[in-house]
Amino acid sequence: MPLRIMKLQGNLLHSYSPAELVRYIWESPVCEKYNASVRALSANLLSKRYTKRDELEDTLKAMEVARQLGIRVPGIRRTFEFEHDTWCIMERIHGSTFGEAWPQLSWIATMKVALQLRRYIRLLRSVTSPTAGSLATGKCRSFYLEDRCELPARSSPEAITRFLKFWTNWLSFKYEISKWKPDAPQEAGHTLKWIPPTAETFVLTHHDLAPRNLLLDPDGRLWILDWDYAGFYPSYFEFAAMQNFRAWNRWSLLDRMRWDLFSWMTVGRSERERHLLEEIKYMNVFDIDKFDTQRLSEPVIAVHACAMINPSDKGDGIDRLDMAPGYECVVDALPTGFSLLAMLEASGLAHRHCSTAVTTLAR
């Protein structure tokens, strides 16, 4: 009997071919309350599609560690690849997400579940790492650390600090060009903004504790869903991510106040850091490519994309870029008489840890 006609049998899940499962998945309803990529296969099973295998590997590793710590996460029933996608079939937890239940949740119930999440957060933060990134591949999947060139896997605390410093103090392409000129003052008249101190170590972070990813089952037990962004990051990333959702427009003032209190009780309050991360996230919605089509009066160089810079290496001024290491060079145009290649070579950086051919800089 064709799979699309008969009911999916959970106990026979591993007997179905990938093609049969994918056909059944596409004919199953989208589970809107979770994610557009999540579909309800049966009363007890959900599926989720990933476009890259390593994304699922990071998610599975994070869920495995969380489960070992005693945190309630859905069980994984099967993973498989088909054509260009990777699929995960997992346990479907019955209950209500905070996105559905929050407006009706009483203050007493809020405090009770806050204690559960607070314990989970303490368990997560007991796992630390000297480098940032996801658990399996080490990639920095944080939506606060995204830009065109990406941070390298397993970034150091100093790399994260330089990333934050660069984007916090970003003004314009013209300003960045001015910092490269030989006669430019150290900061070109610009006062550096505050950034958090460099983290000594990173803690395990879920990184997306939005109401849609917190679920209460009928027995009042808290489950945490969607571990796609989990990884090792500064502790204040968790608080910032708890404010990164759109349900505010549907909530009353009291609902919002209750969520603020819930956040402070569970992960701590880091308002200054949150505003800094939100500013960086907003700036990175702009695509560098769009500047290629504009006719600018002066040459523009995307200076945030460069070779691995270590301010402690040389004292020749190249450290003024304050860039995180691992960046690739993206050059739109170079000012007349300006040789980025010569500067990099003089500093011994042109061929070290640079994933882009240096010839792309020689114009």
Protein backbone atom coordinates (compact mmCIF):
# COMPACT_ATOMS: atom_id res chain seq x y z
CA MET A 1 0.00 0.00 0.00
CA PRO A 2 1.41 3.46 -0.89
CA LEU A 3 2.78 5.28 2.16
CA ARG A 4 0.69 8.40 1.44
CA ILE A 5 -2.49 6.33 1.82
CA MET A 6 -1.67 4.29 4.90
CA LYS A 7 -0.93 5.73 8.30
CA LEU A 8 2.74 6.11 9.20
CA GLN A 9 3.72 3.33 11.59
CA GLY A 10 6.21 4.64 14.17
CA ASN A 11 7.44 1.18 15.08
CA LEU A 12 8.30 0.55 11.40
CA LEU A 13 9.98 3.93 10.89
CA HIS A 14 13.36 2.46 9.94
CA SER A 15 11.81 0.13 7.38
CA TYR A 16 10.69 2.98 5.09
CA SER A 17 13.00 4.19 2.35
CA PRO A 18 14.12 7.86 2.32
CA ALA A 19 12.03 8.47 -0.82
CA GLU A 20 8.91 7.08 0.84
CA LEU A 21 9.44 9.17 3.96
CA VAL A 22 10.06 12.38 2.04
CA ARG A 23 6.91 11.83 0.00
CA TYR A 24 4.92 11.32 3.16
CA ILE A 25 6.54 14.35 4.83
CA TRP A 26 5.65 16.69 1.96
CA GLU A 27 2.04 15.55 2.13
CA SER A 28 1.88 16.13 5.90
CA PRO A 29 0.64 19.44 7.38
CA VAL A 30 3.05 22.18 8.41
CA CYS A 31 3.27 22.58 12.18
CA GLU A 32 2.87 26.35 12.27
CA LYS A 33 3.35 26.78 16.02
CA TYR A 34 6.92 25.55 15.79
CA ASN A 35 8.58 26.36 12.48
CA ALA A 36 7.71 26.39 8.79
CA SER A 37 10.21 23.56 8.22
CA VAL A 38 8.48 21.34 10.81
CA ARG A 39 5.68 18.98 9.75
CA ALA A 40 3.37 16.80 11.80
CA LEU A 41 3.70 13.21 10.59
CA SER A 42 1.45 11.64 13.21
CA ALA A 43 0.15 12.17 16.72
CA ASN A 44 3.58 11.30 18.09
CA LEU A 45 6.09 12.24 15.37
CA LEU A 46 7.38 15.44 13.77
CA SER A 47 9.85 15.97 10.95
CA LYS A 48 12.25 18.83 10.30
CA ARG A 49 14.21 19.60 7.14
CA TYR A 50 17.80 20.85 7.10
CA THR A 51 19.52 22.10 3.96
CA LYS A 52 22.99 21.27 5.32
CA ARG A 53 24.09 18.10 7.04
CA ASP A 54 26.41 19.86 9.49
CA GLU A 55 23.52 21.99 10.80
CA LEU A 56 21.73 18.83 11.91
CA GLU A 57 24.94 17.40 13.37
CA ASP A 58 25.31 20.47 15.59
CA THR A 59 21.67 20.28 16.66
CA LEU A 60 21.85 16.58 17.51
CA LYS A 61 25.03 17.03 19.54
CA ALA A 62 23.49 19.90 21.53
CA MET A 63 20.36 17.86 22.25
CA GLU A 64 22.44 14.87 23.31
CA VAL A 65 24.43 16.96 25.81
CA ALA A 66 21.25 18.63 27.12
CA ARG A 67 19.60 15.24 27.61
CA GLN A 68 22.64 13.96 29.50
CA LEU A 69 22.40 17.00 31.78
CA GLY A 70 18.80 16.13 32.63
CA ILE A 71 17.07 18.71 30.45
CA ARG A 72 13.84 17.59 28.76
CA VAL A 73 14.29 17.59 24.98
CA PRO A 74 12.40 15.63 22.27
CA GLY A 75 13.79 12.21 21.39
CA ILE A 76 15.27 11.62 17.94
CA ARG A 77 13.71 8.70 16.07
CA ARG A 78 15.53 8.78 12.73
CA THR A 79 17.76 10.96 10.54
CA PHE A 80 18.38 10.46 6.84
CA GLU A 81 19.50 12.24 3.68
CA PHE A 82 17.57 12.49 0.45
CA GLU A 83 18.82 14.35 -2.58
CA HIS A 84 20.15 17.68 -1.29
CA ASP A 85 18.38 17.78 2.09
CA THR A 86 18.84 16.17 5.48
CA TRP A 87 15.80 15.18 7.52
CA CYS A 88 15.22 14.56 11.19
CA ILE A 89 12.20 12.69 12.57
CA MET A 90 11.67 13.34 16.26
CA GLU A 91 9.28 12.77 19.11
CA ARG A 92 6.25 15.06 19.21
CA ILE A 93 5.77 16.48 22.71
CA HIS A 94 2.15 17.19 23.58
CA GLY A 95 1.36 20.41 25.38
CA SER A 96 1.33 24.15 24.77
CA THR A 97 4.23 26.37 23.81
CA PHE A 98 4.64 29.65 25.66
CA GLY A 99 3.70 31.34 22.41
CA GLU A 100 0.22 29.86 22.86
CA ALA A 101 -0.10 29.73 26.64
CA TRP A 102 1.72 32.83 27.90
CA PRO A 103 -1.23 35.27 27.94
CA GLN A 104 -3.26 32.76 30.00
CA LEU A 105 -0.43 31.71 32.32
CA SER A 106 -0.90 32.96 35.88
CA TRP A 107 1.82 34.68 37.90
CA ILE A 108 2.11 31.65 40.18
CA ALA A 109 2.45 29.28 37.22
CA THR A 110 5.03 31.64 35.71
CA MET A 111 7.15 31.51 38.86
CA LYS A 112 6.95 27.71 38.98
CA VAL A 113 8.11 27.27 35.40
CA ALA A 114 10.77 29.96 35.91
CA LEU A 115 12.33 27.77 38.58
CA GLN A 116 12.44 24.86 36.13
CA LEU A 117 14.12 26.92 33.42
CA ARG A 118 16.51 28.49 35.94
CA ARG A 119 17.70 25.00 36.87
CA TYR A 120 18.12 24.10 33.19
CA ILE A 121 20.19 27.23 32.58
CA ARG A 122 22.46 26.42 35.52
CA LEU A 123 22.98 22.94 34.10
CA LEU A 124 23.81 24.35 30.66
CA ARG A 125 26.24 26.90 32.06
CA SER A 126 28.07 24.18 33.95
CA VAL A 127 29.41 23.10 30.54
CA THR A 128 32.10 25.51 29.33
CA SER A 129 34.52 25.88 26.45
CA PRO A 130 37.59 28.07 25.75
CA THR A 131 36.30 28.69 22.21
CA ALA A 132 32.98 29.82 20.76
CA GLY A 133 30.73 27.95 18.36
CA SER A 134 28.49 24.93 17.99
CA LEU A 135 29.21 21.61 19.66
CA ALA A 136 29.95 19.35 16.68
CA THR A 137 31.51 21.56 13.99
CA GLY A 138 32.45 24.59 16.09
CA LYS A 139 30.75 26.95 13.65
CA CYS A 140 29.47 30.24 15.11
CA ARG A 141 25.77 29.98 14.23
CA SER A 142 24.71 32.86 16.49
CA PHE A 143 22.50 35.37 14.67
CA TYR A 144 24.39 38.08 16.57
CA LEU A 145 27.69 37.02 14.99
CA GLU A 146 26.53 36.87 11.38
CA ASP A 147 28.01 38.97 8.65
CA ARG A 148 29.03 38.35 5.07
CA CYS A 149 32.41 36.79 5.84
CA GLU A 150 31.60 34.81 8.97
CA LEU A 151 33.73 34.10 12.00
CA PRO A 152 35.99 31.06 11.91
CA ALA A 153 34.98 27.86 13.66
CA ARG A 154 35.90 27.68 17.34
CA SER A 155 36.67 31.39 17.62
CA SER A 156 38.69 32.60 20.57
CA PRO A 157 37.37 35.06 23.17
CA GLU A 158 39.61 37.73 21.62
CA ALA A 159 38.07 37.09 18.19
CA ILE A 160 34.56 37.61 19.56
CA THR A 161 35.65 40.83 21.25
CA ARG A 162 37.19 42.17 18.03
CA PHE A 163 34.02 41.31 16.12
CA LEU A 164 31.87 43.19 18.66
CA LYS A 165 34.27 46.13 18.72
CA PHE A 166 34.34 46.42 14.94
CA TRP A 167 30.57 46.40 14.40
CA THR A 168 29.76 48.45 17.49
CA ASN A 169 31.98 51.22 16.19
CA TRP A 170 31.02 50.89 12.54
CA LEU A 171 30.14 54.25 11.00
CA SER A 172 30.51 53.98 7.23
CA PHE A 173 32.72 52.69 4.46
CA LYS A 174 34.31 56.13 4.14
CA TYR A 175 35.25 56.13 7.81
CA GLU A 176 36.81 52.69 7.54
CA ILE A 177 38.81 53.81 4.50
CA SER A 178 40.06 56.81 6.46
CA LYS A 179 41.56 54.53 9.13
CA TRP A 180 43.79 52.96 6.48
CA LYS A 181 45.37 56.24 5.36
CA PRO A 182 48.97 56.67 6.57
CA ASP A 183 48.32 60.11 8.08
CA ALA A 184 45.07 59.11 9.84
CA PRO A 185 44.92 59.52 13.63
CA GLN A 186 44.47 56.35 15.68
CA GLU A 187 40.66 56.51 15.75
CA ALA A 188 40.02 59.25 13.16
CA GLY A 189 38.34 61.42 15.77
CA HIS A 190 35.81 58.77 16.69
CA THR A 191 35.22 57.85 20.32
CA LEU A 192 34.99 54.10 20.78
CA LYS A 193 31.73 52.79 22.19
CA TRP A 194 31.46 50.47 25.15
CA ILE A 195 31.66 46.73 24.58
CA PRO A 196 31.50 43.91 27.15
CA PRO A 197 34.80 42.70 28.62
CA THR A 198 36.45 39.78 26.85
CA ALA A 199 34.97 36.53 28.13
CA GLU A 200 37.39 34.26 29.95
CA THR A 201 35.38 31.24 28.85
CA PHE A 202 32.13 30.51 27.03
CA VAL A 203 29.11 28.69 28.42
CA LEU A 204 26.72 26.29 26.73
CA THR A 205 23.81 28.39 25.46
CA HIS A 206 20.52 27.36 23.88
CA HIS A 207 20.46 30.75 22.13
CA ASP A 208 16.79 30.77 21.10
CA LEU A 209 14.64 30.58 24.23
CA ALA A 210 11.76 32.37 22.55
CA PRO A 211 8.20 31.49 23.68
CA ARG A 212 7.73 29.16 20.70
CA ASN A 213 10.61 26.97 21.91
CA LEU A 214 9.43 26.54 25.50
CA LEU A 215 6.69 23.95 25.95
CA LEU A 216 4.66 22.92 29.00
CA ASP A 217 3.27 19.39 28.88
CA PRO A 218 -0.05 18.42 30.57
CA ASP A 219 1.87 17.56 33.77
CA GLY A 220 3.41 21.03 34.00
CA ARG A 221 6.89 19.88 32.98
CA LEU A 222 9.05 22.19 30.87
CA TRP A 223 10.52 21.02 27.57
CA ILE A 224 13.01 22.97 25.45
CA LEU A 225 12.68 22.72 21.68
CA ASP A 226 14.72 23.78 18.63
CA TRP A 227 18.43 23.52 19.49
CA ASP A 228 19.62 24.71 16.06
CA TYR A 229 21.48 27.78 17.38
CA ALA A 230 22.93 26.15 20.49
CA GLY A 231 26.62 26.54 21.18
CA PHE A 232 29.26 28.08 23.41
CA TYR A 233 28.88 31.86 23.72
CA PRO A 234 29.11 34.61 26.35
CA SER A 235 26.41 34.14 28.98
CA TYR A 236 24.62 37.39 28.06
CA PHE A 237 23.75 35.98 24.61
CA GLU A 238 21.01 33.91 26.28
CA PHE A 239 19.25 36.95 27.72
CA ALA A 240 19.48 38.85 24.43
CA ALA A 241 18.05 35.91 22.48
CA MET A 242 15.10 35.65 24.88
CA GLN A 243 13.98 39.07 23.64
CA ASN A 244 14.40 38.15 19.96
CA PHE A 245 10.85 37.28 18.92
CA ARG A 246 7.72 38.96 17.55
CA ALA A 247 4.98 38.03 20.01
CA TRP A 248 5.24 41.41 21.73
CA ASN A 249 2.61 42.89 19.42
CA ARG A 250 0.05 40.32 20.58
CA TRP A 251 0.83 40.62 24.27
CA SER A 252 -0.58 43.05 26.80
CA LEU A 253 1.65 45.29 28.90
CA LEU A 254 1.31 42.89 31.84
CA ASP A 255 2.27 39.95 29.61
CA ARG A 256 5.43 41.79 28.58
CA MET A 257 6.29 42.72 32.15
CA ARG A 258 5.84 39.10 33.19
CA TRP A 259 8.17 37.94 30.39
CA ASP A 260 10.80 40.49 31.48
CA LEU A 261 10.64 39.19 35.04
CA PHE A 262 10.70 35.60 33.78
CA SER A 263 13.83 36.34 31.73
CA TRP A 264 15.65 38.03 34.60
CA MET A 265 14.85 35.18 36.98
CA THR A 266 16.04 32.46 34.62
CA VAL A 267 19.10 33.79 32.77
CA GLY A 268 19.93 37.08 34.48
CA ARG A 269 19.58 40.61 33.16
CA SER A 270 22.03 42.03 30.58
CA GLU A 271 20.20 44.97 29.02
CA ARG A 272 23.27 46.90 27.93
CA GLU A 273 24.74 43.86 26.20
CA ARG A 274 21.38 43.07 24.59
CA HIS A 275 21.09 46.51 23.02
CA LEU A 276 24.63 46.21 21.67
CA LEU A 277 23.90 42.83 20.07
CA GLU A 278 20.63 44.07 18.59
CA GLU A 279 22.43 47.01 16.98
CA ILE A 280 24.99 44.67 15.44
CA LYS A 281 22.26 42.33 14.21
CA TYR A 282 20.43 45.25 12.61
CA MET A 283 23.54 46.53 10.83
CA ASN A 284 24.28 43.13 9.34
CA VAL A 285 20.97 42.95 7.47
CA PHE A 286 22.65 45.12 4.85
CA ASP A 287 24.33 43.21 2.03
CA ILE A 288 27.70 44.44 0.84
CA ASP A 289 26.76 43.47 -2.71
CA LYS A 290 24.30 46.33 -2.98
CA PHE A 291 27.15 48.81 -2.78
CA ASP A 292 28.61 47.37 -5.99
CA THR A 293 25.76 48.84 -8.03
CA GLN A 294 26.00 52.28 -6.51
CA ARG A 295 28.18 54.94 -8.10
CA LEU A 296 30.09 56.27 -5.16
CA SER A 297 32.20 59.40 -5.43
CA GLU A 298 35.11 57.75 -3.61
CA PRO A 299 36.49 54.20 -3.76
CA VAL A 300 34.88 51.85 -1.26
CA ILE A 301 36.62 48.97 0.41
CA ALA A 302 34.83 46.38 2.52
CA VAL A 303 37.49 46.54 5.19
CA HIS A 304 35.69 44.34 7.68
CA ALA A 305 36.63 41.38 5.49
CA CYS A 306 40.34 40.80 5.80
CA ALA A 307 43.08 38.30 6.65
CA MET A 308 43.57 37.05 10.18
CA ILE A 309 44.47 40.07 12.25
CA ASN A 310 46.11 39.74 15.65
CA PRO A 311 46.73 43.14 17.27
CA SER A 312 49.51 41.68 19.39
CA ASP A 313 51.58 40.66 16.38
CA LYS A 314 52.76 44.02 15.12
CA GLY A 315 52.66 47.61 16.22
CA ASP A 316 52.50 49.08 12.75
CA GLY A 317 48.90 50.30 12.87
CA ILE A 318 47.25 47.38 11.13
CA ASP A 319 45.60 46.44 14.42
CA ARG A 320 43.40 49.53 14.08
CA LEU A 321 41.06 47.43 11.93
CA ASP A 322 39.96 45.55 15.05
CA MET A 323 38.69 42.66 12.97
CA ALA A 324 37.94 39.15 14.05
CA PRO A 325 40.30 36.55 12.54
CA GLY A 326 39.31 34.28 9.68
CA TYR A 327 37.81 36.99 7.52
CA GLU A 328 38.22 36.82 3.80
CA CYS A 329 39.25 39.81 1.73
CA VAL A 330 36.43 41.47 -0.20
CA VAL A 331 37.67 44.49 -2.11
CA ASP A 332 35.41 46.68 -4.24
CA ALA A 333 38.02 49.29 -5.08
CA LEU A 334 41.31 50.50 -3.70
CA PRO A 335 42.29 54.16 -3.32
CA THR A 336 45.01 55.37 -5.66
CA GLY A 337 48.45 54.51 -4.35
CA PHE A 338 47.04 52.28 -1.64
CA SER A 339 48.45 48.78 -1.37
CA LEU A 340 46.60 46.52 1.04
CA LEU A 341 48.63 43.58 -0.23
CA ALA A 342 51.90 45.31 0.63
CA MET A 343 50.62 46.17 4.09
CA LEU A 344 49.55 42.59 4.78
CA GLU A 345 52.82 41.17 3.46
CA ALA A 346 54.86 43.63 5.51
CA SER A 347 53.00 42.47 8.60
CA GLY A 348 53.53 38.81 7.78
CA LEU A 349 49.77 38.25 7.58
CA ALA A 350 49.14 37.88 3.87
CA HIS A 351 49.65 34.13 3.68
CA ARG A 352 48.88 33.12 7.24
CA HIS A 353 45.44 31.58 7.91
CA CYS A 354 43.97 33.50 4.97
CA SER A 355 41.48 31.35 3.06
CA THR A 356 41.20 33.72 0.10
CA ALA A 357 43.97 33.95 -2.49
CA VAL A 358 46.04 37.06 -1.85
CA THR A 359 46.00 37.80 -5.57
CA THR A 360 42.43 39.07 -5.15
CA LEU A 361 43.94 42.06 -3.36
CA ALA A 362 46.46 42.98 -6.02
CA ARG A 363 44.80 45.58 -8.21
